[in-house]
């Protein structure tokens, strides 16, 4: 039996664009000829998948349809929510579509995940279809490559049937708790789920009966046009906003894990985005975008919508000017050397893989007092991303 992919595509991108008016949904960000939604749609073209069902809202409907067309996906269904209500209602309303059989395997995917080993991912889906029941839910776990407070974790144990039974969830921990979780062989909770339609319905009826009833009414009383399901606004307003993790996963007793040891990211933070650009630097590099300065050089790798990715090289015994910006914030990822970083009144040496956030208006500086050149990947975000937005206070090269 083929698997119906259900793509959750309602995120607004607030994690990336904190404290700014320039929010743009992560799944639609152009990273250089591709978006995360493009990657997701291409991933479900494997023969194991049936047509996709996409849960989104009216604001993004045009973009979703455009992406489906660009990906040459002709058969699909779109569910349009009148307002944001988190992942539990999005998952349930998608599963409730009448023409989906009760025993139909459903895989719930976020529209904004980057999965590189597609063959491994799909093989895990194939091998676990036989393990689905009308009660259990499988969650996809990613083996952590470093302690992170960006993701939730889970701990599992082997059952007699060689399945991984989830015995504990750990909500986004701080760094030390993340280290402890990894020592206990915890996996990141990727937010991707695998279950039958009947299992989703049974779990909602048991643990979230009000959400179930209101979602059912929203769908039943809604309108359908050209395979687009517009949920009833009055009924959907009654739906409680709740995540699938809180509403179902932390209550149900039959959760199994599909463990994945492969590169994965939701590109949900600028450190993750900068790591992605660093890994794929050669794809973005152009000699014409190298600019030399008295302290070293910088390379403009990619200019996106309200963001700019650069690589800075600060030579030995050199420094950029002590400066600030009126219209942009900056995010730095140290990739080489040991720079001395000034941020307002604090000065501190940083090492490789350290991340520094430079808020708009902050006075800052990079100094390299060592022999090894310092290299930093930088993301600028804001309304003006030009060299003209620099106010210098001190400078070794008399540019104040």
Protein backbone atom coordinates (compact mmCIF):
# COMPACT_ATOMS: atom_id res chain seq x y z
CA UNK A 1 0.00 0.00 0.00
CA UNK A 2 1.32 3.44 -0.90
CA UNK A 3 1.90 6.11 1.72
CA UNK A 4 0.08 9.45 1.65
CA UNK A 5 2.50 12.27 2.50
CA UNK A 6 0.90 15.08 4.49
CA UNK A 7 3.00 18.25 4.41
CA UNK A 8 2.53 20.80 7.18
CA UNK A 9 3.16 24.17 5.55
CA UNK A 10 1.81 26.84 7.90
CA UNK A 11 4.94 28.10 9.69
CA UNK A 12 5.54 31.85 9.75
CA UNK A 13 9.32 31.95 10.27
CA UNK A 14 9.34 33.84 13.58
CA UNK A 15 12.36 31.91 14.91
CA UNK A 16 14.59 33.33 12.17
CA UNK A 17 13.26 36.86 12.11
CA UNK A 18 13.02 37.68 15.81
CA UNK A 19 12.57 41.36 16.68
CA UNK A 20 12.00 42.40 13.09
CA UNK A 21 9.07 43.20 10.84
CA UNK A 22 10.60 41.26 7.96
CA UNK A 23 9.24 37.81 8.87
CA UNK A 24 9.25 35.46 5.91
CA UNK A 25 8.21 31.80 6.11
CA UNK A 26 11.25 29.55 6.15
CA UNK A 27 9.74 26.98 3.76
CA UNK A 28 9.57 29.63 1.00
CA UNK A 29 13.01 31.24 1.44
CA UNK A 30 15.05 31.06 -1.77
CA UNK A 31 18.49 29.74 -0.84
CA UNK A 32 19.80 29.99 -4.38
CA UNK A 33 17.39 28.36 -6.81
CA UNK A 34 15.77 26.10 -4.25
CA UNK A 35 13.52 26.29 -1.19
CA UNK A 36 12.88 23.82 1.60
CA UNK A 37 9.36 23.22 0.24
CA UNK A 38 10.90 22.41 -3.16
CA UNK A 39 13.14 19.82 -1.47
CA UNK A 40 10.16 18.32 0.39
CA UNK A 41 8.04 18.03 -2.76
CA UNK A 42 10.90 16.41 -4.68
CA UNK A 43 11.40 13.93 -1.84
CA UNK A 44 7.86 12.56 -2.17
CA UNK A 45 8.19 11.67 -5.86
CA UNK A 46 9.41 8.19 -4.91
CA UNK A 47 7.05 5.35 -6.02
CA UNK A 48 6.23 4.47 -2.39
CA UNK A 49 4.24 7.69 -2.08
CA UNK A 50 0.72 8.53 -3.14
CA UNK A 51 -0.37 12.11 -3.94
CA UNK A 52 0.48 14.78 -1.33
CA UNK A 53 -1.92 16.54 1.03
CA UNK A 54 -0.73 19.98 2.09
CA UNK A 55 -2.00 21.79 5.17
CA UNK A 56 -1.49 25.54 4.97
CA UNK A 57 -3.39 28.81 5.36
CA UNK A 58 -4.96 31.26 2.93
CA UNK A 59 -1.97 33.60 3.13
CA UNK A 60 0.34 30.96 1.61
CA UNK A 61 -2.09 29.27 -0.80
CA UNK A 62 -0.78 31.02 -3.91
CA UNK A 63 2.84 30.14 -3.09
CA UNK A 64 1.97 26.51 -2.35
CA UNK A 65 0.14 26.13 -5.68
CA UNK A 66 3.07 27.73 -7.49
CA UNK A 67 5.54 25.31 -5.89
CA UNK A 68 3.36 22.32 -6.79
CA UNK A 69 3.27 23.51 -10.40
CA UNK A 70 7.03 24.06 -10.51
CA UNK A 71 7.57 20.55 -9.11
CA UNK A 72 5.21 19.15 -11.78
CA UNK A 73 2.92 17.59 -9.18
CA UNK A 74 -0.53 17.52 -10.78
CA UNK A 75 -2.48 15.44 -8.25
CA UNK A 76 -2.76 16.87 -4.75
CA UNK A 77 -5.12 18.13 -2.08
CA UNK A 78 -4.71 21.33 -0.09
CA UNK A 79 -6.35 22.05 3.25
CA UNK A 80 -6.67 25.76 4.04
CA UNK A 81 -6.92 26.78 7.69
CA UNK A 82 -8.73 30.09 8.45
CA UNK A 83 -6.23 30.80 11.26
CA UNK A 84 -3.14 29.25 12.85
CA UNK A 85 -3.91 26.57 15.43
CA UNK A 86 -0.59 24.70 15.76
CA UNK A 87 0.21 21.16 14.58
CA UNK A 88 -2.45 19.00 16.29
CA UNK A 89 -5.43 20.42 14.31
CA UNK A 90 -3.36 20.52 11.09
CA UNK A 91 -2.51 16.83 11.42
CA UNK A 92 -6.06 15.79 12.31
CA UNK A 93 -7.94 17.73 9.62
CA UNK A 94 -5.58 16.29 6.99
CA UNK A 95 -6.20 12.73 8.20
CA UNK A 96 -9.98 13.21 8.26
CA UNK A 97 -10.42 13.56 4.49
CA UNK A 98 -13.21 11.18 3.42
CA UNK A 99 -11.43 9.52 0.52
CA UNK A 100 -8.51 8.35 2.68
CA UNK A 101 -9.11 4.71 3.78
CA UNK A 102 -8.95 3.98 7.51
CA UNK A 103 -5.95 1.68 7.14
CA UNK A 104 -4.08 4.17 4.92
CA UNK A 105 -0.46 4.81 6.02
CA UNK A 106 0.15 8.54 6.48
CA UNK A 107 3.48 10.26 6.90
CA UNK A 108 3.44 13.78 8.33
CA UNK A 109 6.29 15.93 7.07
CA UNK A 110 7.27 19.50 7.85
CA UNK A 111 7.63 21.67 4.75
CA UNK A 112 10.89 23.13 6.04
CA UNK A 113 13.20 20.17 6.74
CA UNK A 114 16.41 19.44 4.87
CA UNK A 115 17.01 15.69 4.47
CA UNK A 116 20.04 14.69 2.46
CA UNK A 117 19.97 10.86 2.50
CA UNK A 118 16.60 10.36 0.82
CA UNK A 119 17.22 6.67 0.03
CA UNK A 120 17.81 5.81 3.69
CA UNK A 121 14.76 7.81 4.74
CA UNK A 122 12.48 6.09 2.23
CA UNK A 123 13.85 2.62 3.03
CA UNK A 124 12.98 3.14 6.72
CA UNK A 125 9.42 4.07 5.71
CA UNK A 126 9.07 0.94 3.55
CA UNK A 127 10.36 -1.40 6.24
CA UNK A 128 8.00 -0.04 8.90
CA UNK A 129 4.68 0.00 7.01
CA UNK A 130 3.98 -3.54 8.26
CA UNK A 131 4.39 -2.36 11.87
CA UNK A 132 1.60 0.23 11.74
CA UNK A 133 -1.59 -0.50 13.69
CA UNK A 134 -4.83 1.33 14.50
CA UNK A 135 -3.27 2.66 17.74
CA UNK A 136 0.47 3.21 17.39
CA UNK A 137 2.39 6.22 16.11
CA UNK A 138 5.97 6.18 14.85
CA UNK A 139 8.15 9.23 15.28
CA UNK A 140 11.35 9.85 13.32
CA UNK A 141 14.39 10.47 15.48
CA UNK A 142 17.68 11.95 14.31
CA UNK A 143 20.95 10.91 15.94
CA UNK A 144 22.39 14.19 17.34
CA UNK A 145 25.76 15.33 16.04
CA UNK A 146 26.12 17.86 18.86
CA UNK A 147 24.21 19.00 21.99
CA UNK A 148 21.50 21.46 20.93
CA UNK A 149 18.75 23.32 22.74
CA UNK A 150 16.96 23.90 19.42
CA UNK A 151 15.25 20.48 19.42
CA UNK A 152 13.30 18.19 21.72
CA UNK A 153 14.69 14.72 22.47
CA UNK A 154 13.31 11.27 23.23
CA UNK A 155 14.72 8.12 24.84
CA UNK A 156 13.66 4.68 23.62
CA UNK A 157 14.22 1.00 24.38
CA UNK A 158 14.09 -2.15 22.27
CA UNK A 159 10.94 -4.29 22.49
CA UNK A 160 10.59 -8.04 21.93
CA UNK A 161 9.44 -7.31 18.40
CA UNK A 162 12.69 -5.41 17.68
CA UNK A 163 10.89 -2.07 17.64
CA UNK A 164 12.10 1.04 19.46
CA UNK A 165 9.54 1.97 22.11
CA UNK A 166 9.67 5.62 23.22
CA UNK A 167 9.79 5.75 27.03
CA UNK A 168 10.54 9.44 27.65
CA UNK A 169 10.32 12.83 25.95
CA UNK A 170 12.66 15.69 26.84
CA UNK A 171 11.45 19.16 25.85
CA UNK A 172 14.06 21.53 24.41
CA UNK A 173 16.75 21.30 27.11
CA UNK A 174 19.58 23.67 27.97
CA UNK A 175 23.07 22.77 26.80
CA UNK A 176 24.06 20.72 29.86
CA UNK A 177 20.82 18.73 29.86
CA UNK A 178 21.25 18.14 26.13
CA UNK A 179 24.71 16.69 26.83
CA UNK A 180 23.23 14.35 29.43
CA UNK A 181 20.44 13.31 27.09
CA UNK A 182 22.93 12.39 24.36
CA UNK A 183 24.92 10.29 26.87
CA UNK A 184 21.68 8.34 27.46
CA UNK A 185 21.44 7.71 23.68
CA UNK A 186 18.61 10.18 23.21
CA UNK A 187 17.58 11.17 19.68
CA UNK A 188 16.26 14.47 18.39
CA UNK A 189 12.51 14.51 17.86
CA UNK A 190 12.37 15.57 14.21
CA UNK A 191 8.65 16.42 14.21
CA UNK A 192 7.94 13.87 11.46
CA UNK A 193 5.36 11.16 12.21
CA UNK A 194 4.13 7.92 10.65
CA UNK A 195 0.74 6.34 11.43
CA UNK A 196 -2.48 5.03 9.92
CA UNK A 197 -5.50 7.25 9.52
CA UNK A 198 -7.39 5.14 12.08
CA UNK A 199 -4.62 5.51 14.64
CA UNK A 200 -4.67 9.32 14.33
CA UNK A 201 -8.46 9.37 14.73
CA UNK A 202 -8.45 6.91 17.65
CA UNK A 203 -5.81 8.87 19.54
CA UNK A 204 -7.62 12.18 19.07
CA UNK A 205 -10.96 10.68 20.13
CA UNK A 206 -9.32 9.33 23.27
CA UNK A 207 -7.05 12.20 24.31
CA UNK A 208 -8.42 15.30 22.55
CA UNK A 209 -12.17 14.70 21.96
CA UNK A 210 -13.05 18.41 21.69
CA UNK A 211 -10.36 19.07 19.11
CA UNK A 212 -11.56 16.01 17.21
CA UNK A 213 -15.20 17.18 17.17
CA UNK A 214 -14.41 20.77 16.18
CA UNK A 215 -11.96 19.70 13.45
CA UNK A 216 -14.51 17.23 12.07
CA UNK A 217 -17.14 20.00 11.96
CA UNK A 218 -14.65 22.40 10.36
CA UNK A 219 -14.04 19.95 7.55
CA UNK A 220 -17.69 18.81 7.17
CA UNK A 221 -19.02 22.37 7.04
CA UNK A 222 -16.22 23.72 4.87
CA UNK A 223 -16.10 24.24 1.11
CA UNK A 224 -14.25 22.25 -1.54
CA UNK A 225 -13.10 23.68 -4.86
CA UNK A 226 -10.53 22.18 -7.24
CA UNK A 227 -9.19 19.82 -4.55
CA UNK A 228 -8.74 22.71 -2.13
CA UNK A 229 -10.56 22.26 1.17
CA UNK A 230 -11.46 25.52 2.90
CA UNK A 231 -12.19 24.74 6.58
CA UNK A 232 -15.25 26.37 8.10
CA UNK A 233 -14.15 29.55 9.88
CA UNK A 234 -16.83 29.46 12.61
CA UNK A 235 -16.13 25.83 13.56
CA UNK A 236 -12.35 26.18 13.33
CA UNK A 237 -12.38 29.17 15.65
CA UNK A 238 -13.55 26.78 18.40
CA UNK A 239 -10.55 24.49 17.87
CA UNK A 240 -8.02 24.69 20.68
CA UNK A 241 -4.53 25.64 19.54
CA UNK A 242 -2.26 22.79 20.58
CA UNK A 243 0.84 21.03 19.31
CA UNK A 244 0.68 17.36 18.33
CA UNK A 245 3.48 16.64 20.82
CA UNK A 246 1.58 18.05 23.81
CA UNK A 247 -1.87 16.98 22.67
CA UNK A 248 -1.17 13.39 21.64
CA UNK A 249 2.43 12.16 21.87
CA UNK A 250 2.88 12.94 25.56
CA UNK A 251 -0.39 11.14 26.39
CA UNK A 252 -0.60 8.08 24.17
CA UNK A 253 1.18 4.89 25.30
CA UNK A 254 2.03 3.32 21.96
CA UNK A 255 4.82 5.37 20.42
CA UNK A 256 7.66 3.78 18.50
CA UNK A 257 10.75 5.42 17.04
CA UNK A 258 12.34 5.17 13.62
CA UNK A 259 15.95 6.10 14.25
CA UNK A 260 17.90 7.86 11.52
CA UNK A 261 21.64 8.44 11.50
CA UNK A 262 21.99 10.94 8.67
CA UNK A 263 22.43 14.67 7.98
CA UNK A 264 19.22 16.52 8.84
CA UNK A 265 18.29 20.07 9.73
CA UNK A 266 15.20 22.20 9.93
CA UNK A 267 17.36 25.29 9.17
CA UNK A 268 15.49 26.88 12.04
CA UNK A 269 18.30 29.14 13.19
CA UNK A 270 21.01 31.21 11.59
CA UNK A 271 23.79 28.94 12.94
CA UNK A 272 22.18 26.04 11.06
CA UNK A 273 21.79 28.13 7.91
CA UNK A 274 25.40 29.30 8.12
CA UNK A 275 26.58 25.69 8.52
CA UNK A 276 24.60 24.77 5.42
CA UNK A 277 26.26 27.56 3.42
CA UNK A 278 29.69 26.58 4.75
CA UNK A 279 29.15 22.97 3.69
CA UNK A 280 28.04 24.07 0.21
CA UNK A 281 30.40 27.03 -0.14
CA UNK A 282 31.73 25.91 -3.54
CA UNK A 283 28.23 26.03 -5.02
CA UNK A 284 27.84 29.69 -4.01
CA UNK A 285 31.41 30.91 -4.49
CA UNK A 286 32.24 33.41 -7.26
CA UNK A 287 35.55 35.22 -7.74
CA UNK A 288 33.75 38.41 -8.73
CA UNK A 289 32.21 38.57 -5.25
CA UNK A 290 35.56 38.77 -3.42
CA UNK A 291 36.24 42.18 -1.85
CA UNK A 292 39.61 43.06 -0.32
CA UNK A 293 40.02 45.30 2.71
CA UNK A 294 43.05 46.46 4.74
CA UNK A 295 42.26 43.82 7.37
CA UNK A 296 41.69 40.93 4.94
CA UNK A 297 38.76 40.16 2.64
CA UNK A 298 35.12 39.16 2.50
CA UNK A 299 33.17 37.09 -0.01
CA UNK A 300 29.49 37.70 -0.70
CA UNK A 301 28.14 34.15 -1.07
CA UNK A 302 24.40 34.73 -1.40
CA UNK A 303 21.95 37.64 -1.28
CA UNK A 304 18.47 36.54 -0.27
CA UNK A 305 15.26 38.25 0.74
CA UNK A 306 16.31 40.53 3.64
CA UNK A 307 19.47 38.52 4.33
CA UNK A 308 23.04 38.33 3.07
CA UNK A 309 25.54 35.50 3.62
CA UNK A 310 29.25 36.37 3.69
CA UNK A 311 32.57 34.82 4.62
CA UNK A 312 35.07 37.13 6.35
CA UNK A 313 38.82 36.51 6.58
CA UNK A 314 40.67 38.68 9.11
CA UNK A 315 44.44 38.51 8.69
CA UNK A 316 46.97 38.10 11.50
CA UNK A 317 47.48 41.23 13.64
CA UNK A 318 44.49 42.89 11.96
CA UNK A 319 40.99 43.94 12.94
CA UNK A 320 37.82 45.38 11.49
CA UNK A 321 36.82 48.79 12.78
CA UNK A 322 34.90 49.26 16.03
CA UNK A 323 31.47 49.85 14.50
CA UNK A 324 27.70 49.60 14.61
CA UNK A 325 24.80 49.33 12.14
CA UNK A 326 21.45 51.12 12.14
CA UNK A 327 19.52 48.81 9.81
CA UNK A 328 20.84 45.28 10.26
CA UNK A 329 21.68 42.58 12.79
CA UNK A 330 24.51 40.11 12.26
CA UNK A 331 25.06 36.47 13.14
CA UNK A 332 28.62 35.11 13.21
CA UNK A 333 29.84 31.52 13.08
CA UNK A 334 33.58 31.11 13.79
CA UNK A 335 35.09 28.60 11.36
CA UNK A 336 38.84 29.22 11.84
CA UNK A 337 41.14 30.89 14.34
CA UNK A 338 40.57 32.44 17.75
CA UNK A 339 39.21 36.00 17.34
CA UNK A 340 38.86 38.57 20.08
CA UNK A 341 35.27 39.76 19.86
CA UNK A 342 34.05 43.10 21.19
CA UNK A 343 30.30 43.36 21.80
CA UNK A 344 29.37 46.66 23.44
CA UNK A 345 31.38 46.78 26.70
CA UNK A 346 32.45 43.12 26.71
CA UNK A 347 35.55 41.60 25.07
CA UNK A 348 36.10 37.85 24.81
CA UNK A 349 38.13 35.35 22.80
CA UNK A 350 36.00 32.94 20.76
CA UNK A 351 36.85 29.56 19.24
CA UNK A 352 35.81 27.49 16.21
CA UNK A 353 32.06 26.68 16.09
CA UNK A 354 31.20 29.47 18.54
CA UNK A 355 28.22 31.57 17.50
CA UNK A 356 27.79 35.28 18.20
CA UNK A 357 24.67 37.41 17.70
CA UNK A 358 25.23 41.12 17.02
CA UNK A 359 21.92 42.96 17.61
CA UNK A 360 21.10 46.01 15.52
CA UNK A 361 22.76 49.11 17.01
CA UNK A 362 25.36 47.16 19.03
CA UNK A 363 28.98 48.34 18.94
CA UNK A 364 31.20 45.45 17.85
CA UNK A 365 34.57 44.44 16.50
CA UNK A 366 36.62 41.41 15.34
CA UNK A 367 40.34 41.43 16.23
CA UNK A 368 42.90 38.80 15.27
CA UNK A 369 45.93 38.93 17.58
CA UNK A 370 47.20 35.48 16.53
CA UNK A 371 49.14 34.19 13.49
CA UNK A 372 46.34 32.03 12.07
CA UNK A 373 43.83 33.97 9.91
CA UNK A 374 40.36 34.21 11.42
CA UNK A 375 37.45 33.04 9.27
CA UNK A 376 33.84 33.83 10.07
CA UNK A 377 30.63 33.02 8.23
CA UNK A 378 28.24 35.93 8.63
CA UNK A 379 24.51 36.32 8.10
CA UNK A 380 23.21 39.89 7.88
CA UNK A 381 19.48 40.43 8.33
CA UNK A 382 17.64 43.71 7.97
CA UNK A 383 16.25 46.32 5.64
CA UNK A 384 19.62 47.73 4.46
CA UNK A 385 22.44 45.28 3.74
CA UNK A 386 25.13 47.58 2.34
CA UNK A 387 28.58 48.73 3.40
CA UNK A 388 27.11 52.23 3.72
CA UNK A 389 25.36 51.12 6.92
CA UNK A 390 28.55 51.29 8.98
CA UNK A 391 29.29 53.84 11.70
CA UNK A 392 32.96 53.57 12.72
CA UNK A 393 34.25 54.58 16.15
CA UNK A 394 37.85 53.32 16.02
CA UNK A 395 39.88 52.00 13.10
CA UNK A 396 43.50 50.91 12.58
CA UNK A 397 43.35 52.14 9.01
CA UNK A 398 42.15 55.71 9.70
CA UNK A 399 38.67 55.20 8.17
CA UNK A 400 36.72 56.83 11.03
